[in-house]
Amino acid sequence: MEYHIADSEYRFMQVVWEAAPVGSGRLVELCQEKLGWKKSTTYTVLKKMCNKGLLQNEKSLVTVTVPRELVDNQAAEQFVNRTFGGSLPGFLAAFIGGKTLTAQEAEELKHLIDEHKEG
């Protein structure tokens, strides 16, 4: 299943991922502190995220049903597909731009590439 969430929904999910499982009353407090949201906004977005299958709210306890890593991976893939026609090398070239990499960063990238190489 693919999850499409708006920036404000993602910020909300960051709060939930950090605190979950969390009581809905405490979540309202956290969203007020971290996002400046009113109670009604928090409950509206909570309901949306439950309808999208990302969260569950039972007996005023909010739990995560989809891990952050899955949402982040899908968002990154959608971005690369939309912006760079699915070209990971194109994305990396644009991302690195005129920057230089440290030896450690270059090694980490090489390691990632080796881990994900076909056959």
PDB file of N, CA and C in Angstrom:
ATOM      1  N   MET A   1       0.840  -1.181   0.000  1.00  0.00           N
ATOM      2  CA  MET A   1       0.000   0.000   0.000  1.00  0.00           C
ATOM      3  C   MET A   1       0.889   1.249   0.000  1.00  0.00           C
ATOM      4  N   GLU A   2       0.489   2.243  -0.774  1.00  0.00           N
ATOM      5  CA  GLU A   2       1.236   3.497  -0.815  1.00  0.00           C
ATOM      6  C   GLU A   2       0.553   4.533   0.065  1.00  0.00           C
ATOM      7  N   TYR A   3       1.378   5.313   0.753  1.00  0.00           N
ATOM      8  CA  TYR A   3       0.882   6.343   1.654  1.00  0.00           C
ATOM      9  C   TYR A   3       1.290   7.707   1.120  1.00  0.00           C
ATOM     10  N   HIS A   4       0.301   8.535   0.836  1.00  0.00           N
ATOM     11  CA  HIS A   4       0.544   9.901   0.382  1.00  0.00           C
ATOM     12  C   HIS A   4       0.095  10.833   1.497  1.00  0.00           C
ATOM     13  N   ILE A   5       1.051  11.550   2.072  1.00  0.00           N
ATOM     14  CA  ILE A   5       0.676  12.461   3.144  1.00  0.00           C
ATOM     15  C   ILE A   5       1.260  13.840   2.881  1.00  0.00           C
ATOM     16  N   ALA A   6       0.498  14.831   3.265  1.00  0.00           N
ATOM     17  CA  ALA A   6       0.900  16.234   3.099  1.00  0.00           C
ATOM     18  C   ALA A   6       1.978  16.573   4.124  1.00  0.00           C
ATOM     19  N   ASP A   7       2.651  17.697   3.915  1.00  0.00           N
ATOM     20  CA  ASP A   7       3.712  18.120   4.829  1.00  0.00           C
ATOM     21  C   ASP A   7       3.207  18.270   6.264  1.00  0.00           C
ATOM     22  N   SER A   8       2.050  18.872   6.444  1.00  0.00           N
ATOM     23  CA  SER A   8       1.518  19.054   7.800  1.00  0.00           C
ATOM     24  C   SER A   8       1.188  17.710   8.439  1.00  0.00           C
ATOM     25  N   GLU A   9       0.703  16.772   7.637  1.00  0.00           N
ATOM     26  CA  GLU A   9       0.418  15.433   8.146  1.00  0.00           C
ATOM     27  C   GLU A   9       1.712  14.726   8.541  1.00  0.00           C
ATOM     28  N   TYR A  10       2.768  14.948   7.766  1.00  0.00           N
ATOM     29  CA  TYR A  10       4.062  14.337   8.084  1.00  0.00           C
ATOM     30  C   TYR A  10       4.616  14.899   9.395  1.00  0.00           C
ATOM     31  N   ARG A  11       4.502  16.206   9.584  1.00  0.00           N
ATOM     32  CA  ARG A  11       4.954  16.810  10.847  1.00  0.00           C
ATOM     33  C   ARG A  11       4.181  16.224  12.033  1.00  0.00           C
ATOM     34  N   PHE A  12       2.883  16.029  11.839  1.00  0.00           N
ATOM     35  CA  PHE A  12       2.048  15.400  12.863  1.00  0.00           C
ATOM     36  C   PHE A  12       2.532  13.973  13.129  1.00  0.00           C
ATOM     37  N   MET A  13       2.800  13.232  12.072  1.00  0.00           N
ATOM     38  CA  MET A  13       3.262  11.855  12.233  1.00  0.00           C
ATOM     39  C   MET A  13       4.597  11.806  12.968  1.00  0.00           C
ATOM     40  N   GLN A  14       5.463  12.793  12.749  1.00  0.00           N
ATOM     41  CA  GLN A  14       6.738  12.831  13.473  1.00  0.00           C
ATOM     42  C   GLN A  14       6.504  12.915  14.977  1.00  0.00           C
ATOM     43  N   VAL A  15       5.530  13.720  15.373  1.00  0.00           N
ATOM     44  CA  VAL A  15       5.192  13.841  16.790  1.00  0.00           C
ATOM     45  C   VAL A  15       4.700  12.494  17.310  1.00  0.00           C
ATOM     46  N   VAL A  16       3.829  11.847  16.554  1.00  0.00           N
ATOM     47  CA  VAL A  16       3.266  10.566  16.989  1.00  0.00           C
ATOM     48  C   VAL A  16       4.353   9.494  17.039  1.00  0.00           C
ATOM     49  N   TRP A  17       5.169   9.395  15.983  1.00  0.00           N
ATOM     50  CA  TRP A  17       6.227   8.377  15.976  1.00  0.00           C
ATOM     51  C   TRP A  17       7.139   8.533  17.190  1.00  0.00           C
ATOM     52  N   GLU A  18       7.396   9.756  17.567  1.00  0.00           N
ATOM     53  CA  GLU A  18       8.276  10.029  18.697  1.00  0.00           C
ATOM     54  C   GLU A  18       7.638   9.622  20.032  1.00  0.00           C
ATOM     55  N   ALA A  19       6.321   9.759  20.151  1.00  0.00           N
ATOM     56  CA  ALA A  19       5.647   9.575  21.428  1.00  0.00           C
ATOM     57  C   ALA A  19       4.877   8.259  21.573  1.00  0.00           C
ATOM     58  N   ALA A  20       4.569   7.600  20.477  1.00  0.00           N
ATOM     59  CA  ALA A  20       3.673   6.438  20.492  1.00  0.00           C
ATOM     60  C   ALA A  20       4.235   5.280  21.307  1.00  0.00           C
ATOM     61  N   PRO A  21       3.332   4.524  21.910  1.00  0.00           N
ATOM     62  CA  PRO A  21       1.897   4.788  22.016  1.00  0.00           C
ATOM     63  C   PRO A  21       1.647   5.971  22.953  1.00  0.00           C
ATOM     64  N   VAL A  22       0.637   6.744  22.601  1.00  0.00           N
ATOM     65  CA  VAL A  22       0.376   7.980  23.350  1.00  0.00           C
ATOM     66  C   VAL A  22      -1.131   8.177  23.501  1.00  0.00           C
ATOM     67  N   GLY A  23      -1.521   8.637  24.671  1.00  0.00           N
ATOM     68  CA  GLY A  23      -2.926   8.965  24.889  1.00  0.00           C
ATOM     69  C   GLY A  23      -3.318  10.149  24.021  1.00  0.00           C
ATOM     70  N   SER A  24      -4.559  10.159  23.567  1.00  0.00           N
ATOM     71  CA  SER A  24      -4.980  11.233  22.667  1.00  0.00           C
ATOM     72  C   SER A  24      -4.936  12.598  23.354  1.00  0.00           C
ATOM     73  N   GLY A  25      -5.214  12.657  24.660  1.00  0.00           N
ATOM     74  CA  GLY A  25      -5.108  13.935  25.383  1.00  0.00           C
ATOM     75  C   GLY A  25      -3.680  14.445  25.416  1.00  0.00           C
ATOM     76  N   ARG A  26      -2.745  13.550  25.656  1.00  0.00           N
ATOM     77  CA  ARG A  26      -1.326  13.932  25.658  1.00  0.00           C
ATOM     78  C   ARG A  26      -0.900  14.350  24.254  1.00  0.00           C
ATOM     79  N   LEU A  27      -1.418  13.678  23.235  1.00  0.00           N
ATOM     80  CA  LEU A  27      -1.092  14.031  21.852  1.00  0.00           C
ATOM     81  C   LEU A  27      -1.546  15.447  21.534  1.00  0.00           C
ATOM     82  N   VAL A  28      -2.705  15.835  22.037  1.00  0.00           N
ATOM     83  CA  VAL A  28      -3.191  17.216  21.855  1.00  0.00           C
ATOM     84  C   VAL A  28      -2.191  18.187  22.469  1.00  0.00           C
ATOM     85  N   GLU A  29      -1.696  17.871  23.667  1.00  0.00           N
ATOM     86  CA  GLU A  29      -0.709  18.733  24.330  1.00  0.00           C
ATOM     87  C   GLU A  29       0.581  18.826  23.517  1.00  0.00           C
ATOM     88  N   LEU A  30       1.057  17.682  23.033  1.00  0.00           N
ATOM     89  CA  LEU A  30       2.292  17.663  22.243  1.00  0.00           C
ATOM     90  C   LEU A  30       2.152  18.465  20.957  1.00  0.00           C
ATOM     91  N   CYS A  31       1.010  18.335  20.298  1.00  0.00           N
ATOM     92  CA  CYS A  31       0.788  19.079  19.045  1.00  0.00           C
ATOM     93  C   CYS A  31       0.671  20.573  19.310  1.00  0.00           C
ATOM     94  N   GLN A  32       0.125  20.942  20.460  1.00  0.00           N
ATOM     95  CA  GLN A  32       0.078  22.358  20.829  1.00  0.00           C
ATOM     96  C   GLN A  32       1.497  22.884  21.034  1.00  0.00           C
ATOM     97  N   GLU A  33       2.322  22.116  21.762  1.00  0.00           N
ATOM     98  CA  GLU A  33       3.700  22.518  22.050  1.00  0.00           C
ATOM     99  C   GLU A  33       4.563  22.574  20.788  1.00  0.00           C
ATOM    100  N   LYS A  34       4.517  21.520  20.009  1.00  0.00           N
ATOM    101  CA  LYS A  34       5.466  21.356  18.905  1.00  0.00           C
ATOM    102  C   LYS A  34       4.987  21.938  17.583  1.00  0.00           C
ATOM    103  N   LEU A  35       3.665  21.976  17.380  1.00  0.00           N
ATOM    104  CA  LEU A  35       3.141  22.426  16.087  1.00  0.00           C
ATOM    105  C   LEU A  35       2.289  23.689  16.199  1.00  0.00           C
ATOM    106  N   GLY A  36       1.935  24.069  17.434  1.00  0.00           N
ATOM    107  CA  GLY A  36       1.082  25.237  17.626  1.00  0.00           C
ATOM    108  C   GLY A  36      -0.366  24.984  17.235  1.00  0.00           C
ATOM    109  N   TRP A  37      -0.776  23.715  17.280  1.00  0.00           N
ATOM    110  CA  TRP A  37      -2.124  23.337  16.844  1.00  0.00           C
ATOM    111  C   TRP A  37      -3.132  23.413  17.978  1.00  0.00           C
ATOM    112  N   LYS A  38      -4.387  23.663  17.589  1.00  0.00           N
ATOM    113  CA  LYS A  38      -5.513  23.595  18.509  1.00  0.00           C
ATOM    114  C   LYS A  38      -5.969  22.140  18.610  1.00  0.00           C
ATOM    115  N   LYS A  39      -6.731  21.870  19.642  1.00  0.00           N
ATOM    116  CA  LYS A  39      -7.260  20.519  19.871  1.00  0.00           C
ATOM    117  C   LYS A  39      -8.019  20.005  18.643  1.00  0.00           C
ATOM    118  N   SER A  40      -8.851  20.856  18.064  1.00  0.00           N
ATOM    119  CA  SER A  40      -9.674  20.430  16.920  1.00  0.00           C
ATOM    120  C   SER A  40      -8.809  20.045  15.722  1.00  0.00           C
ATOM    121  N   THR A  41      -7.726  20.784  15.493  1.00  0.00           N
ATOM    122  CA  THR A  41      -6.823  20.463  14.381  1.00  0.00           C
ATOM    123  C   THR A  41      -6.171  19.109  14.606  1.00  0.00           C
ATOM    124  N   THR A  42      -5.710  18.877  15.830  1.00  0.00           N
ATOM    125  CA  THR A  42      -5.070  17.601  16.152  1.00  0.00           C
ATOM    126  C   THR A  42      -6.026  16.447  15.900  1.00  0.00           C
ATOM    127  N   TYR A  43      -7.264  16.561  16.376  1.00  0.00           N
ATOM    128  CA  TYR A  43      -8.216  15.467  16.199  1.00  0.00           C
ATOM    129  C   TYR A  43      -8.621  15.282  14.735  1.00  0.00           C
ATOM    130  N   THR A  44      -8.680  16.368  13.982  1.00  0.00           N
ATOM    131  CA  THR A  44      -8.997  16.256  12.550  1.00  0.00           C
ATOM    132  C   THR A  44      -7.906  15.489  11.824  1.00  0.00           C
ATOM    133  N   VAL A  45      -6.651  15.841  12.077  1.00  0.00           N
ATOM    134  CA  VAL A  45      -5.530  15.173  11.404  1.00  0.00           C
ATOM    135  C   VAL A  45      -5.391  13.738  11.919  1.00  0.00           C
ATOM    136  N   LEU A  46      -5.629  13.518  13.201  1.00  0.00           N
ATOM    137  CA  LEU A  46      -5.590  12.162  13.753  1.00  0.00           C
ATOM    138  C   LEU A  46      -6.600  11.269  13.035  1.00  0.00           C
ATOM    139  N   LYS A  47      -7.790  11.778  12.831  1.00  0.00           N
ATOM    140  CA  LYS A  47      -8.822  10.995  12.137  1.00  0.00           C
ATOM    141  C   LYS A  47      -8.385  10.686  10.699  1.00  0.00           C
ATOM    142  N   LYS A  48      -7.807  11.681  10.019  1.00  0.00           N
ATOM    143  CA  LYS A  48      -7.317  11.468   8.646  1.00  0.00           C
ATOM    144  C   LYS A  48      -6.268  10.370   8.595  1.00  0.00           C
ATOM    145  N   MET A  49      -5.324  10.404   9.551  1.00  0.00           N
ATOM    146  CA  MET A  49      -4.239   9.429   9.566  1.00  0.00           C
ATOM    147  C   MET A  49      -4.759   8.026   9.910  1.00  0.00           C
ATOM    148  N   CYS A  50      -5.793   7.967  10.732  1.00  0.00           N
ATOM    149  CA  CYS A  50      -6.436   6.681  11.017  1.00  0.00           C
ATOM    150  C   CYS A  50      -7.143   6.163   9.766  1.00  0.00           C
ATOM    151  N   ASN A  51      -7.836   7.049   9.054  1.00  0.00           N
ATOM    152  CA  ASN A  51      -8.530   6.655   7.816  1.00  0.00           C
ATOM    153  C   ASN A  51      -7.552   6.201   6.733  1.00  0.00           C
ATOM    154  N   LYS A  52      -6.341   6.769   6.741  1.00  0.00           N
ATOM    155  CA  LYS A  52      -5.314   6.377   5.768  1.00  0.00           C
ATOM    156  C   LYS A  52      -4.594   5.096   6.186  1.00  0.00           C
ATOM    157  N   GLY A  53      -4.900   4.615   7.396  1.00  0.00           N
ATOM    158  CA  GLY A  53      -4.306   3.380   7.868  1.00  0.00           C
ATOM    159  C   GLY A  53      -2.944   3.517   8.518  1.00  0.00           C
ATOM    160  N   LEU A  54      -2.527   4.742   8.805  1.00  0.00           N
ATOM    161  CA  LEU A  54      -1.220   4.970   9.416  1.00  0.00           C
ATOM    162  C   LEU A  54      -1.249   4.871  10.940  1.00  0.00           C
ATOM    163  N   LEU A  55      -2.400   5.174  11.515  1.00  0.00           N
ATOM    164  CA  LEU A  55      -2.548   5.168  12.970  1.00  0.00           C
ATOM    165  C   LEU A  55      -3.824   4.451  13.369  1.00  0.00           C
ATOM    166  N   GLN A  56      -3.867   4.113  14.652  1.00  0.00           N
ATOM    167  CA  GLN A  56      -5.066   3.528  15.233  1.00  0.00           C
ATOM    168  C   GLN A  56      -5.348   4.289  16.520  1.00  0.00           C
ATOM    169  N   ASN A  57      -6.610   4.603  16.773  1.00  0.00           N
ATOM    170  CA  ASN A  57      -6.993   5.310  17.990  1.00  0.00           C
ATOM    171  C   ASN A  57      -8.107   4.518  18.656  1.00  0.00           C
ATOM    172  N   GLU A  58      -7.717   3.701  19.630  1.00  0.00           N
ATOM    173  CA  GLU A  58      -8.700   2.887  20.338  1.00  0.00           C
ATOM    174  C   GLU A  58      -8.639   3.198  21.815  1.00  0.00           C
ATOM    175  N   LYS A  59      -9.800   3.487  22.392  1.00  0.00           N
ATOM    176  CA  LYS A  59      -9.901   3.822  23.816  1.00  0.00           C
ATOM    177  C   LYS A  59      -8.938   4.947  24.185  1.00  0.00           C
ATOM    178  N   SER A  60      -8.868   5.941  23.310  1.00  0.00           N
ATOM    179  CA  SER A  60      -8.036   7.142  23.504  1.00  0.00           C
ATOM    180  C   SER A  60      -6.543   6.860  23.548  1.00  0.00           C
ATOM    181  N   LEU A  61      -6.114   5.707  23.011  1.00  0.00           N
ATOM    182  CA  LEU A  61      -4.693   5.399  22.906  1.00  0.00           C
ATOM    183  C   LEU A  61      -4.324   5.341  21.422  1.00  0.00           C
ATOM    184  N   VAL A  62      -3.408   6.218  21.026  1.00  0.00           N
ATOM    185  CA  VAL A  62      -2.983   6.312  19.632  1.00  0.00           C
ATOM    186  C   VAL A  62      -1.743   5.437  19.440  1.00  0.00           C
ATOM    187  N   THR A  63      -1.846   4.513  18.489  1.00  0.00           N
ATOM    188  CA  THR A  63      -0.724   3.633  18.176  1.00  0.00           C
ATOM    189  C   THR A  63      -0.407   3.722  16.686  1.00  0.00           C
ATOM    190  N   VAL A  64       0.835   3.430  16.366  1.00  0.00           N
ATOM    191  CA  VAL A  64       1.318   3.479  14.986  1.00  0.00           C
ATOM    192  C   VAL A  64       1.064   2.131  14.328  1.00  0.00           C
ATOM    193  N   THR A  65       0.537   2.153  13.108  1.00  0.00           N
ATOM    194  CA  THR A  65       0.326   0.911  12.366  1.00  0.00           C
ATOM    195  C   THR A  65       1.292   0.790  11.186  1.00  0.00           C
ATOM    196  N   VAL A  66       1.939   1.888  10.816  1.00  0.00           N
ATOM    197  CA  VAL A  66       2.906   1.889   9.713  1.00  0.00           C
ATOM    198  C   VAL A  66       4.190   2.552  10.227  1.00  0.00           C
ATOM    199  N   PRO A  67       5.315   1.842  10.154  1.00  0.00           N
ATOM    200  CA  PRO A  67       6.555   2.425  10.668  1.00  0.00           C
ATOM    201  C   PRO A  67       7.042   3.609   9.842  1.00  0.00           C
ATOM    202  N   ARG A  68       7.736   4.491  10.510  1.00  0.00           N
ATOM    203  CA  ARG A  68       8.275   5.701   9.886  1.00  0.00           C
ATOM    204  C   ARG A  68       9.145   5.367   8.669  1.00  0.00           C
ATOM    205  N   GLU A  69       9.956   4.337   8.779  1.00  0.00           N
ATOM    206  CA  GLU A  69      10.878   3.967   7.702  1.00  0.00           C
ATOM    207  C   GLU A  69      10.133   3.691   6.400  1.00  0.00           C
ATOM    208  N   LEU A  70       8.978   3.024   6.491  1.00  0.00           N
ATOM    209  CA  LEU A  70       8.199   2.713   5.287  1.00  0.00           C
ATOM    210  C   LEU A  70       7.671   3.990   4.642  1.00  0.00           C
ATOM    211  N   VAL A  71       7.148   4.900   5.452  1.00  0.00           N
ATOM    212  CA  VAL A  71       6.619   6.171   4.930  1.00  0.00           C
ATOM    213  C   VAL A  71       7.750   6.990   4.319  1.00  0.00           C
ATOM    214  N   ASP A  72       8.891   7.060   5.011  1.00  0.00           N
ATOM    215  CA  ASP A  72      10.039   7.806   4.495  1.00  0.00           C
ATOM    216  C   ASP A  72      10.545   7.221   3.188  1.00  0.00           C
ATOM    217  N   ASN A  73      10.647   5.901   3.115  1.00  0.00           N
ATOM    218  CA  ASN A  73      11.123   5.248   1.887  1.00  0.00           C
ATOM    219  C   ASN A  73      10.192   5.525   0.711  1.00  0.00           C
ATOM    220  N   GLN A  74       8.895   5.433   0.956  1.00  0.00           N
ATOM    221  CA  GLN A  74       7.933   5.709  -0.122  1.00  0.00           C
ATOM    222  C   GLN A  74       8.012   7.165  -0.571  1.00  0.00           C
ATOM    223  N   ALA A  75       8.132   8.075   0.368  1.00  0.00           N
ATOM    224  CA  ALA A  75       8.208   9.505   0.021  1.00  0.00           C
ATOM    225  C   ALA A  75       9.460   9.778  -0.801  1.00  0.00           C
ATOM    226  N   ALA A  76      10.589   9.183  -0.414  1.00  0.00           N
ATOM    227  CA  ALA A  76      11.838   9.381  -1.159  1.00  0.00           C
ATOM    228  C   ALA A  76      11.712   8.825  -2.568  1.00  0.00           C
ATOM    229  N   GLU A  77      11.141   7.640  -2.684  1.00  0.00           N
ATOM    230  CA  GLU A  77      10.982   7.026  -4.011  1.00  0.00           C
ATOM    231  C   GLU A  77      10.054   7.865  -4.894  1.00  0.00           C
ATOM    232  N   GLN A  78       8.957   8.356  -4.315  1.00  0.00           N
ATOM    233  CA  GLN A  78       8.029   9.198  -5.075  1.00  0.00           C
ATOM    234  C   GLN A  78       8.719  10.474  -5.539  1.00  0.00           C
ATOM    235  N   PHE A  79       9.545  11.066  -4.670  1.00  0.00           N
ATOM    236  CA  PHE A  79      10.265  12.277  -5.023  1.00  0.00           C
ATOM    237  C   PHE A  79      11.232  12.032  -6.181  1.00  0.00           C
ATOM    238  N   VAL A  80      12.017  10.971  -6.095  1.00  0.00           N
ATOM    239  CA  VAL A  80      12.986  10.650  -7.149  1.00  0.00           C
ATOM    240  C   VAL A  80      12.251  10.357  -8.455  1.00  0.00           C
ATOM    241  N   ASN A  81      11.156   9.627  -8.385  1.00  0.00           N
ATOM    242  CA  ASN A  81      10.388   9.314  -9.601  1.00  0.00           C
ATOM    243  C   ASN A  81       9.811  10.580 -10.230  1.00  0.00           C
ATOM    244  N   ARG A  82       9.229  11.442  -9.406  1.00  0.00           N
ATOM    245  CA  ARG A  82       8.572  12.653  -9.914  1.00  0.00           C
ATOM    246  C   ARG A  82       9.580  13.674 -10.420  1.00  0.00           C
ATOM    247  N   THR A  83      10.672  13.862  -9.695  1.00  0.00           N
ATOM    248  CA  THR A  83      11.600  14.936  -9.997  1.00  0.00           C
ATOM    249  C   THR A  83      12.716  14.542 -10.952  1.00  0.00           C
ATOM    250  N   PHE A  84      13.150  13.285 -10.876  1.00  0.00           N
ATOM    251  CA  PHE A  84      14.305  12.849 -11.667  1.00  0.00           C
ATOM    252  C   PHE A  84      13.982  11.665 -12.572  1.00  0.00           C
ATOM    253  N   GLY A  85      12.696  11.459 -12.858  1.00  0.00           N
ATOM    254  CA  GLY A  85      12.301  10.373 -13.747  1.00  0.00           C
ATOM    255  C   GLY A  85      12.750   9.012 -13.238  1.00  0.00           C
ATOM    256  N   GLY A  86      12.887   8.876 -11.928  1.00  0.00           N
ATOM    257  CA  GLY A  86      13.292   7.607 -11.333  1.00  0.00           C
ATOM    258  C   GLY A  86      14.791   7.364 -11.349  1.00  0.00           C
ATOM    259  N   SER A  87      15.573   8.346 -11.801  1.00  0.00           N
ATOM    260  CA  SER A  87      17.024   8.176 -11.906  1.00  0.00           C
ATOM    261  C   SER A  87      17.706   8.491 -10.577  1.00  0.00           C
ATOM    262  N   LEU A  88      18.164   7.435  -9.899  1.00  0.00           N
ATOM    263  CA  LEU A  88      18.891   7.638  -8.654  1.00  0.00           C
ATOM    264  C   LEU A  88      20.220   8.364  -8.897  1.00  0.00           C
ATOM    265  N   PRO A  89      20.982   8.017  -9.959  1.00  0.00           N
ATOM    266  CA  PRO A  89      22.195   8.789 -10.236  1.00  0.00           C
ATOM    267  C   PRO A  89      21.902  10.272 -10.494  1.00  0.00           C
ATOM    268  N   GLY A  90      20.797  10.556 -11.177  1.00  0.00           N
ATOM    269  CA  GLY A  90      20.405  11.949 -11.422  1.00  0.00           C
ATOM    270  C   GLY A  90      20.105  12.671 -10.124  1.00  0.00           C
ATOM    271  N   PHE A  91      19.429  11.997  -9.222  1.00  0.00           N
ATOM    272  CA  PHE A  91      19.133  12.586  -7.919  1.00  0.00           C
ATOM    273  C   PHE A  91      20.421  12.858  -7.151  1.00  0.00           C
ATOM    274  N   LEU A  92      21.313  11.866  -7.099  1.00  0.00           N
ATOM    275  CA  LEU A  92      22.562  12.035  -6.353  1.00  0.00           C
ATOM    276  C   LEU A  92      23.410  13.165  -6.920  1.00  0.00           C
ATOM    277  N   ALA A  93      23.475  13.250  -8.256  1.00  0.00           N
ATOM    278  CA  ALA A  93      24.253  14.323  -8.887  1.00  0.00           C
ATOM    279  C   ALA A  93      23.689  15.690  -8.504  1.00  0.00           C
ATOM    280  N   ALA A  94      22.356  15.815  -8.510  1.00  0.00           N
ATOM    281  CA  ALA A  94      21.725  17.085  -8.146  1.00  0.00           C
ATOM    282  C   ALA A  94      21.904  17.377  -6.653  1.00  0.00           C
ATOM    283  N   PHE A  95      21.792  16.352  -5.837  1.00  0.00           N
ATOM    284  CA  PHE A  95      21.896  16.520  -4.397  1.00  0.00           C
ATOM    285  C   PHE A  95      23.310  16.926  -3.985  1.00  0.00           C
ATOM    286  N   ILE A  96      24.287  16.265  -4.575  1.00  0.00           N
ATOM    287  CA  ILE A  96      25.677  16.579  -4.241  1.00  0.00           C
ATOM    288  C   ILE A  96      26.076  17.921  -4.829  1.00  0.00           C
ATOM    289  N   GLY A  97      25.630  18.172  -6.061  1.00  0.00           N
ATOM    290  CA  GLY A  97      25.911  19.457  -6.697  1.00  0.00           C
ATOM    291  C   GLY A  97      27.383  19.787  -6.660  1.00  0.00           C
ATOM    292  N   GLY A  98      27.741  20.959  -6.212  1.00  0.00           N
ATOM    293  CA  GLY A  98      29.135  21.389  -6.151  1.00  0.00           C
ATOM    294  C   GLY A  98      29.811  21.053  -4.839  1.00  0.00           C
ATOM    295  N   LYS A  99      29.128  20.296  -3.971  1.00  0.00           N
ATOM    296  CA  LYS A  99      29.701  19.953  -2.667  1.00  0.00           C
ATOM    297  C   LYS A  99      30.791  18.905  -2.818  1.00  0.00           C
ATOM    298  N   THR A 100      31.655  18.848  -1.847  1.00  0.00           N
ATOM    299  CA  THR A 100      32.624  17.761  -1.793  1.00  0.00           C
ATOM    300  C   THR A 100      32.230  16.833  -0.661  1.00  0.00           C
ATOM    301  N   LEU A 101      32.515  15.560  -0.836  1.00  0.00           N
ATOM    302  CA  LEU A 101      32.213  14.558   0.173  1.00  0.00           C
ATOM    303  C   LEU A 101      33.451  14.281   1.008  1.00  0.00           C
ATOM    304  N   THR A 102      33.229  14.010   2.277  1.00  0.00           N
ATOM    305  CA  THR A 102      34.346  13.557   3.099  1.00  0.00           C
ATOM    306  C   THR A 102      34.658  12.123   2.689  1.00  0.00           C
ATOM    307  N   ALA A 103      35.821  11.646   3.064  1.00  0.00           N
ATOM    308  CA  ALA A 103      36.191  10.266   2.764  1.00  0.00           C
ATOM    309  C   ALA A 103      35.183   9.309   3.387  1.00  0.00           C
ATOM    310  N   GLN A 104      34.718   9.614   4.586  1.00  0.00           N
ATOM    311  CA  GLN A 104      33.752   8.748   5.268  1.00  0.00           C
ATOM    312  C   GLN A 104      32.414   8.731   4.526  1.00  0.00           C
ATOM    313  N   GLU A 105      31.945   9.891   4.077  1.00  0.00           N
ATOM    314  CA  GLU A 105      30.685   9.946   3.326  1.00  0.00           C
ATOM    315  C   GLU A 105      30.793   9.147   2.036  1.00  0.00           C
ATOM    316  N   ALA A 106      31.911   9.281   1.336  1.00  0.00           N
ATOM    317  CA  ALA A 106      32.113   8.538   0.088  1.00  0.00           C
ATOM    318  C   ALA A 106      32.106   7.034   0.361  1.00  0.00           C
ATOM    319  N   GLU A 107      32.746   6.609   1.433  1.00  0.00           N
ATOM    320  CA  GLU A 107      32.772   5.190   1.786  1.00  0.00           C
ATOM    321  C   GLU A 107      31.386   4.679   2.139  1.00  0.00           C
ATOM    322  N   GLU A 108      30.622   5.491   2.866  1.00  0.00           N
ATOM    323  CA  GLU A 108      29.253   5.101   3.224  1.00  0.00           C
ATOM    324  C   GLU A 108      28.392   4.930   1.975  1.00  0.00           C
ATOM    325  N   LEU A 109      28.541   5.851   1.014  1.00  0.00           N
ATOM    326  CA  LEU A 109      27.780   5.736  -0.237  1.00  0.00           C
ATOM    327  C   LEU A 109      28.196   4.497  -1.018  1.00  0.00           C
ATOM    328  N   LYS A 110      29.497   4.238  -1.097  1.00  0.00           N
ATOM    329  CA  LYS A 110      29.978   3.035  -1.785  1.00  0.00           C
ATOM    330  C   LYS A 110      29.416   1.784  -1.128  1.00  0.00           C
ATOM    331  N   HIS A 111      29.406   1.772   0.191  1.00  0.00           N
ATOM    332  CA  HIS A 111      28.888   0.624   0.927  1.00  0.00           C
ATOM    333  C   HIS A 111      27.398   0.413   0.623  1.00  0.00           C
ATOM    334  N   LEU A 112      26.633   1.492   0.629  1.00  0.00           N
ATOM    335  CA  LEU A 112      25.205   1.396   0.311  1.00  0.00           C
ATOM    336  C   LEU A 112      24.987   0.867  -1.098  1.00  0.00           C
ATOM    337  N   ILE A 113      25.751   1.369  -2.030  1.00  0.00           N
ATOM    338  CA  ILE A 113      25.628   0.914  -3.420  1.00  0.00           C
ATOM    339  C   ILE A 113      25.952  -0.572  -3.522  1.00  0.00           C
ATOM    340  N   ASP A 114      27.044  -0.997  -2.897  1.00  0.00           N
ATOM    341  CA  ASP A 114      27.421  -2.414  -2.925  1.00  0.00           C
ATOM    342  C   ASP A 114      26.341  -3.299  -2.309  1.00  0.00           C
ATOM    343  N   GLU A 115      25.710  -2.843  -1.235  1.00  0.00           N
ATOM    344  CA  GLU A 115      24.658  -3.608  -0.572  1.00  0.00           C
ATOM    345  C   GLU A 115      23.440  -3.809  -1.463  1.00  0.00           C
ATOM    346  N   HIS A 116      23.173  -2.848  -2.338  1.00  0.00           N
ATOM    347  CA  HIS A 116      21.945  -2.883  -3.132  1.00  0.00           C
ATOM    348  C   HIS A 116      22.164  -3.217  -4.608  1.00  0.00           C
ATOM    349  N   LYS A 117      23.370  -3.635  -4.963  1.00  0.00           N
ATOM    350  CA  LYS A 117      23.665  -3.998  -6.352  1.00  0.00           C
ATOM    351  C   LYS A 117      22.947  -5.279  -6.739  1.00  0.00           C
ATOM    352  N   GLU A 118      22.499  -5.327  -7.980  1.00  0.00           N
ATOM    353  CA  GLU A 118      21.900  -6.554  -8.508  1.00  0.00           C
ATOM    354  C   GLU A 118      22.996  -7.594  -8.705  1.00  0.00           C
ATOM    355  N   GLY A 119      22.582  -8.857  -8.544  1.00  0.00           N
ATOM    356  CA  GLY A 119      23.321 -10.051  -8.821  1.00  0.00           C
ATOM    357  C   GLY A 119      24.764 -10.036  -8.870  1.00  0.00           C
TER     358      GLY A 119
END
